[in-house]
Protein backbone atom coordinates (compact mmCIF):
# COMPACT_ATOMS: atom_id res chain seq x y z
CA MET A 1 -0.49 -0.08 -0.36
CA SER A 2 1.08 3.76 -0.45
CA SER A 3 1.96 5.99 2.32
CA GLN A 4 -1.66 8.18 2.62
CA ALA A 5 -2.36 10.24 5.67
CA PHE A 6 -3.87 8.57 8.59
CA SER A 7 -5.71 9.73 11.85
CA LEU A 8 -7.63 8.90 14.49
CA THR A 9 -10.15 11.34 16.35
CA VAL A 10 -11.86 10.50 19.17
CA LEU A 11 -16.02 10.44 19.23
CA GLY A 12 -16.47 8.65 22.53
CA THR A 13 -14.79 7.69 25.24
CA ASP A 14 -17.02 7.09 28.13
CA GLY A 15 -17.32 3.40 29.12
CA SER A 16 -19.81 0.99 30.20
CA TYR A 17 -22.40 4.02 29.95
CA PRO A 18 -21.80 7.60 29.62
CA ALA A 19 -21.15 9.81 31.67
CA PRO A 20 -23.65 13.29 32.05
CA GLY A 21 -23.14 15.28 28.88
CA GLY A 22 -20.57 12.06 27.41
CA CYS A 23 -20.67 9.99 24.88
CA CYS A 24 -19.66 6.01 24.88
CA SER A 25 -17.01 4.54 22.36
CA GLY A 26 -16.74 5.52 18.95
CA TYR A 27 -13.78 6.80 16.71
CA LEU A 28 -12.82 8.08 13.08
CA LEU A 29 -10.31 6.37 11.28
CA GLN A 30 -8.94 8.73 7.89
CA ALA A 31 -7.33 7.27 5.02
CA GLY A 32 -7.22 10.02 2.45
CA ASP A 33 -10.27 10.45 1.32
CA PHE A 34 -11.41 6.94 3.09
CA ALA A 35 -13.45 7.61 6.56
CA THR A 36 -14.31 4.43 8.90
CA TRP A 37 -16.24 4.30 12.05
CA MET A 38 -14.66 2.24 14.96
CA ASP A 39 -17.32 1.58 17.30
CA THR A 40 -20.75 3.12 17.15
CA GLY A 41 -21.25 3.85 20.75
CA PRO A 42 -24.05 6.30 21.87
CA GLY A 43 -23.52 9.84 21.71
CA THR A 44 -20.63 9.44 18.62
CA MET A 45 -22.65 9.66 15.74
CA ALA A 46 -24.02 13.26 16.38
CA ASN A 47 -19.85 13.56 17.17
CA LEU A 48 -18.96 12.38 14.06
CA GLN A 49 -20.90 14.42 11.79
CA LEU A 50 -18.78 17.24 12.96
CA HIS A 51 -15.72 15.78 11.02
CA VAL A 52 -17.55 13.59 8.00
CA PRO A 53 -21.07 13.84 6.61
CA LEU A 54 -22.88 10.25 6.44
CA SER A 55 -22.93 10.15 2.92
CA ARG A 56 -19.07 10.41 2.84
CA LEU A 57 -18.78 7.39 5.61
CA GLY A 58 -16.79 4.20 3.75
CA ALA A 59 -17.54 1.40 6.60
CA VAL A 60 -17.95 1.06 10.19
CA VAL A 61 -16.46 -1.78 12.22
CA VAL A 62 -18.05 -2.90 15.79
CA SER A 63 -15.83 -4.74 18.18
CA HIS A 64 -18.83 -6.28 20.34
CA ALA A 65 -22.19 -6.04 20.74
CA HIS A 66 -22.32 -4.23 24.22
CA PRO A 67 -24.84 -2.12 23.35
CA ASP A 68 -21.73 1.02 24.80
CA HIS A 69 -19.71 0.01 21.50
CA TRP A 70 -22.95 -0.48 19.00
CA SER A 71 -26.15 1.19 19.74
CA ASP A 72 -25.77 4.36 17.18
CA LEU A 73 -25.94 1.64 14.34
CA GLU A 74 -30.07 2.08 14.72
CA GLY A 75 -29.49 5.90 14.16
CA LEU A 76 -27.52 5.34 11.14
CA TYR A 77 -29.85 2.28 9.99
CA VAL A 78 -32.47 5.01 9.95
CA ALA A 79 -30.48 8.02 8.57
CA MET A 80 -29.04 6.17 5.68
CA ARG A 81 -32.49 4.40 4.68
CA TYR A 82 -34.94 6.73 5.06
CA PHE A 83 -32.76 10.15 4.48
CA LEU A 84 -30.14 9.98 2.45
CA GLY A 85 -31.56 6.38 0.27
CA ARG A 86 -27.50 4.99 0.82
CA LYS A 87 -27.08 0.98 0.15
CA GLY A 88 -24.46 -1.08 0.49
CA LEU A 89 -22.46 0.18 3.54
CA PRO A 90 -20.09 -2.30 4.58
CA VAL A 91 -20.93 -3.07 8.14
CA TYR A 92 -18.15 -5.42 9.99
CA ALA A 93 -19.00 -6.81 13.03
CA PRO A 94 -18.80 -10.27 14.93
CA GLU A 95 -20.98 -12.51 14.73
CA GLY A 96 -24.90 -11.86 16.20
CA LEU A 97 -24.85 -8.05 16.33
CA ARG A 98 -27.48 -7.76 13.22
CA ASP A 99 -29.73 -9.82 15.20
CA LEU A 100 -29.52 -7.25 17.89
CA MET A 101 -30.42 -4.40 16.01
CA VAL A 102 -34.32 -3.09 15.94
CA GLY A 103 -34.34 -1.34 13.16
CA GLU A 104 -31.85 -3.39 10.42
CA LYS A 105 -33.75 -4.94 7.52
CA PRO A 106 -32.46 -7.32 5.12
CA ASP A 107 -33.26 -4.44 2.67
CA GLY A 108 -29.58 -3.40 1.45
CA THR A 109 -29.39 -0.92 3.67
CA PHE A 110 -26.21 -2.46 5.20
CA ASP A 111 -23.75 -4.87 3.78
CA TRP A 112 -23.23 -7.15 6.71
CA ARG A 113 -19.49 -8.68 7.46
CA VAL A 114 -19.33 -11.38 9.99
CA ILE A 115 -15.52 -11.63 11.71
CA GLY A 116 -14.08 -13.35 13.59
CA ASP A 117 -10.46 -13.84 15.71
CA GLY A 118 -7.48 -14.17 13.25
CA GLU A 119 -9.60 -12.94 10.44
CA THR A 120 -7.86 -9.75 8.21
CA ALA A 121 -9.97 -7.66 5.44
CA GLN A 122 -9.37 -5.13 3.09
CA VAL A 123 -11.38 -2.06 4.06
CA GLY A 124 -10.99 0.74 1.58
CA PRO A 125 -7.01 1.50 1.64
CA ALA A 126 -6.38 0.15 5.13
CA ARG A 127 -5.25 -3.58 6.33
CA TRP A 128 -7.34 -4.82 9.48
CA SER A 129 -6.83 -7.93 11.20
CA TRP A 130 -8.58 -9.38 14.94
CA SER A 131 -7.69 -10.88 17.50
CA ARG A 132 -10.54 -12.12 20.13
CA THR A 133 -9.83 -10.81 23.67
CA ASP A 134 -10.83 -11.27 26.94
CA HIS A 135 -14.22 -10.45 27.18
CA PRO A 136 -17.74 -12.08 28.25
CA VAL A 137 -19.04 -11.66 25.02
CA GLU A 138 -17.14 -12.08 21.58
CA THR A 139 -14.77 -8.92 21.42
CA LEU A 140 -12.14 -8.23 18.79
CA ALA A 141 -9.22 -6.39 19.24
CA ALA A 142 -7.83 -4.85 15.83
CA ARG A 143 -4.85 -3.64 14.08
CA VAL A 144 -5.12 -1.07 11.46
CA GLU A 145 -2.38 -0.95 8.35
CA VAL A 146 -2.06 1.50 5.83
CA GLY A 147 1.62 2.01 4.41
CA GLY A 148 2.86 0.57 6.94
CA ARG A 149 1.81 2.34 9.91
CA ALA A 150 -0.21 0.45 12.67
CA LEU A 151 -3.17 1.55 15.20
CA GLY A 152 -3.57 -0.99 17.59
CA TYR A 153 -7.41 -1.08 19.59
CA SER A 154 -7.96 -3.04 22.39
CA ALA A 155 -11.74 -2.42 22.28
CA ASP A 156 -12.79 -3.88 25.99
CA THR A 157 -10.55 -6.73 27.35
CA GLY A 158 -9.44 -8.17 30.58
CA PRO A 159 -5.62 -9.09 31.47
CA ALA A 160 -5.67 -12.38 30.47
CA TRP A 161 -4.97 -10.82 26.72
CA GLU A 162 -2.05 -8.71 25.20
CA LEU A 163 -2.06 -6.18 23.34
CA SER A 164 1.02 -8.38 21.21
CA SER A 165 -1.25 -10.33 20.12
CA LEU A 166 -2.14 -7.62 17.38
CA GLY A 167 1.77 -7.83 16.45
CA GLU A 168 5.22 -6.23 16.63
CA GLY A 169 5.38 -2.15 14.95
CA ILE A 170 2.48 -0.39 16.62
CA GLN A 171 2.91 3.13 16.34
CA LEU A 172 0.10 4.24 18.16
CA ALA A 173 -1.47 1.76 20.87
CA LEU A 174 -5.32 2.71 21.58
CA VAL A 175 -5.87 0.85 25.14
CA GLU A 176 -8.95 0.47 27.79
CA ALA A 177 -8.71 2.04 31.10
CA THR A 178 -11.90 1.40 32.36
CA LEU A 179 -10.94 0.30 35.98
CA SER A 180 -9.51 2.06 39.27
CA LEU A 181 -6.32 0.51 40.74
CA GLN A 182 -7.64 -0.93 43.70
CA ASP A 183 -10.91 -2.78 40.98
CA GLU A 184 -8.49 -4.03 39.07
CA GLY A 185 -9.56 -8.46 38.68
CA SER A 186 -13.11 -7.00 39.67
CA PHE A 187 -14.52 -8.13 35.85
CA GLU A 188 -12.95 -8.64 32.20
CA HIS A 189 -11.26 -5.01 31.59
CA LEU A 190 -8.26 -2.87 31.91
CA SER A 191 -7.02 -0.44 34.77
CA ALA A 192 -5.41 1.96 33.38
CA ARG A 193 -1.66 0.68 34.70
CA GLN A 194 -2.41 -2.93 33.15
CA ALA A 195 -3.18 -0.56 29.88
CA GLY A 196 -0.03 1.17 30.60
CA LEU A 197 1.84 -2.29 30.97
CA THR A 198 0.78 -4.23 28.00
CA ALA A 199 1.26 -1.52 25.84
CA SER A 200 5.27 -1.46 26.90
CA ARG A 201 5.01 -5.48 26.43
CA CYS A 202 4.34 -4.99 22.98
CA GLY A 203 6.45 -2.15 22.42
CA ALA A 204 4.07 -0.03 21.00
CA GLU A 205 5.87 3.61 20.48
CA ARG A 206 2.41 6.04 21.51
CA LEU A 207 -0.42 4.69 24.05
CA VAL A 208 -3.63 6.58 24.07
CA ILE A 209 -6.30 5.08 27.07
CA THR A 210 -9.86 5.62 26.98
CA HIS A 211 -13.11 3.52 27.66
CA PHE A 212 -12.86 5.38 31.23
CA ALA A 213 -15.88 3.98 34.22
CA PRO A 214 -17.60 7.86 34.52
CA THR A 215 -16.64 7.09 38.35
CA ILE A 216 -12.42 7.09 36.83
CA ASP A 217 -10.08 9.56 37.51
CA ARG A 218 -8.23 10.55 34.44
CA GLU A 219 -6.29 12.59 35.61
CA LEU A 220 -4.61 9.75 37.86
CA ALA A 221 -5.41 7.25 35.31
CA CYS A 222 -2.86 8.80 32.70
CA VAL A 223 -0.20 8.81 35.66
CA GLU A 224 -0.89 5.15 36.75
CA ALA A 225 -0.52 4.51 33.15
CA THR A 226 2.53 6.48 32.35
CA ALA A 227 4.22 4.81 35.21
CA ALA A 228 3.64 1.59 34.17
CA PHE A 229 4.38 2.48 30.15
CA GLY A 230 8.01 4.16 30.93
CA ARG A 231 6.52 6.86 28.65
CA PRO A 232 4.26 9.73 28.13
CA VAL A 233 0.82 8.96 27.73
CA GLU A 234 -2.31 10.44 26.86
CA VAL A 235 -5.70 10.51 27.61
CA ALA A 236 -8.56 10.18 24.80
CA GLU A 237 -10.84 12.97 24.75
CA VAL A 238 -13.83 14.10 22.44
CA GLY A 239 -12.71 15.72 19.27
CA LYS A 240 -8.90 15.05 19.48
CA THR A 241 -7.34 13.65 16.57
CA TRP A 242 -3.87 11.90 16.54
CA THR A 243 -2.07 11.50 13.36
CA VAL A 244 -1.26 7.46 13.45
């Protein structure tokens, strides 16, 4: 693949449920003119449209079937079906997500493409590969590579999965940091400390932490992640963009 601009823009950072005024998981990936919406949590569709019109959306990729990662697909279906008249938008998602949607009908609005552990796909100019994480439902972390530059996205996971499962040479790691230090091990999510450790072990160049429980102190989470990563860590904020 030829080298070209490859960016990540944050659309939502809250984990499990939205904080006051917040949005759950969602990210915009742009490579050249191709836009991909990665995870479609509640509130993120509104933020997506601040950056790209829905008519320019090239694909959607959803990591798993917990509503804080996909529920805005319902609104996207309505927009595409009844207002934009668009058909065939590729939606990459694990088995079973389609069955959860209330609005989705077999009318061709979405072109559903089931993904699973170890699978790969070419999505526009980006090469995607997926790895199943340590989470109660089938959840797929993703490696997204364009022009030899790679983003590693943990999606949701407990510590039994490692970011290194996505391979070497990750320039930007986007890793969940749901739990406080004292809640480590309470359920299948990472703390900021654990996010820093897994990013360090895989040799990631940069780390951005995200998917914060609304009760979490994000400044403290950044301090804990930085100590574990061994280098400065950044905190995901809605509207912020990184070049991979």
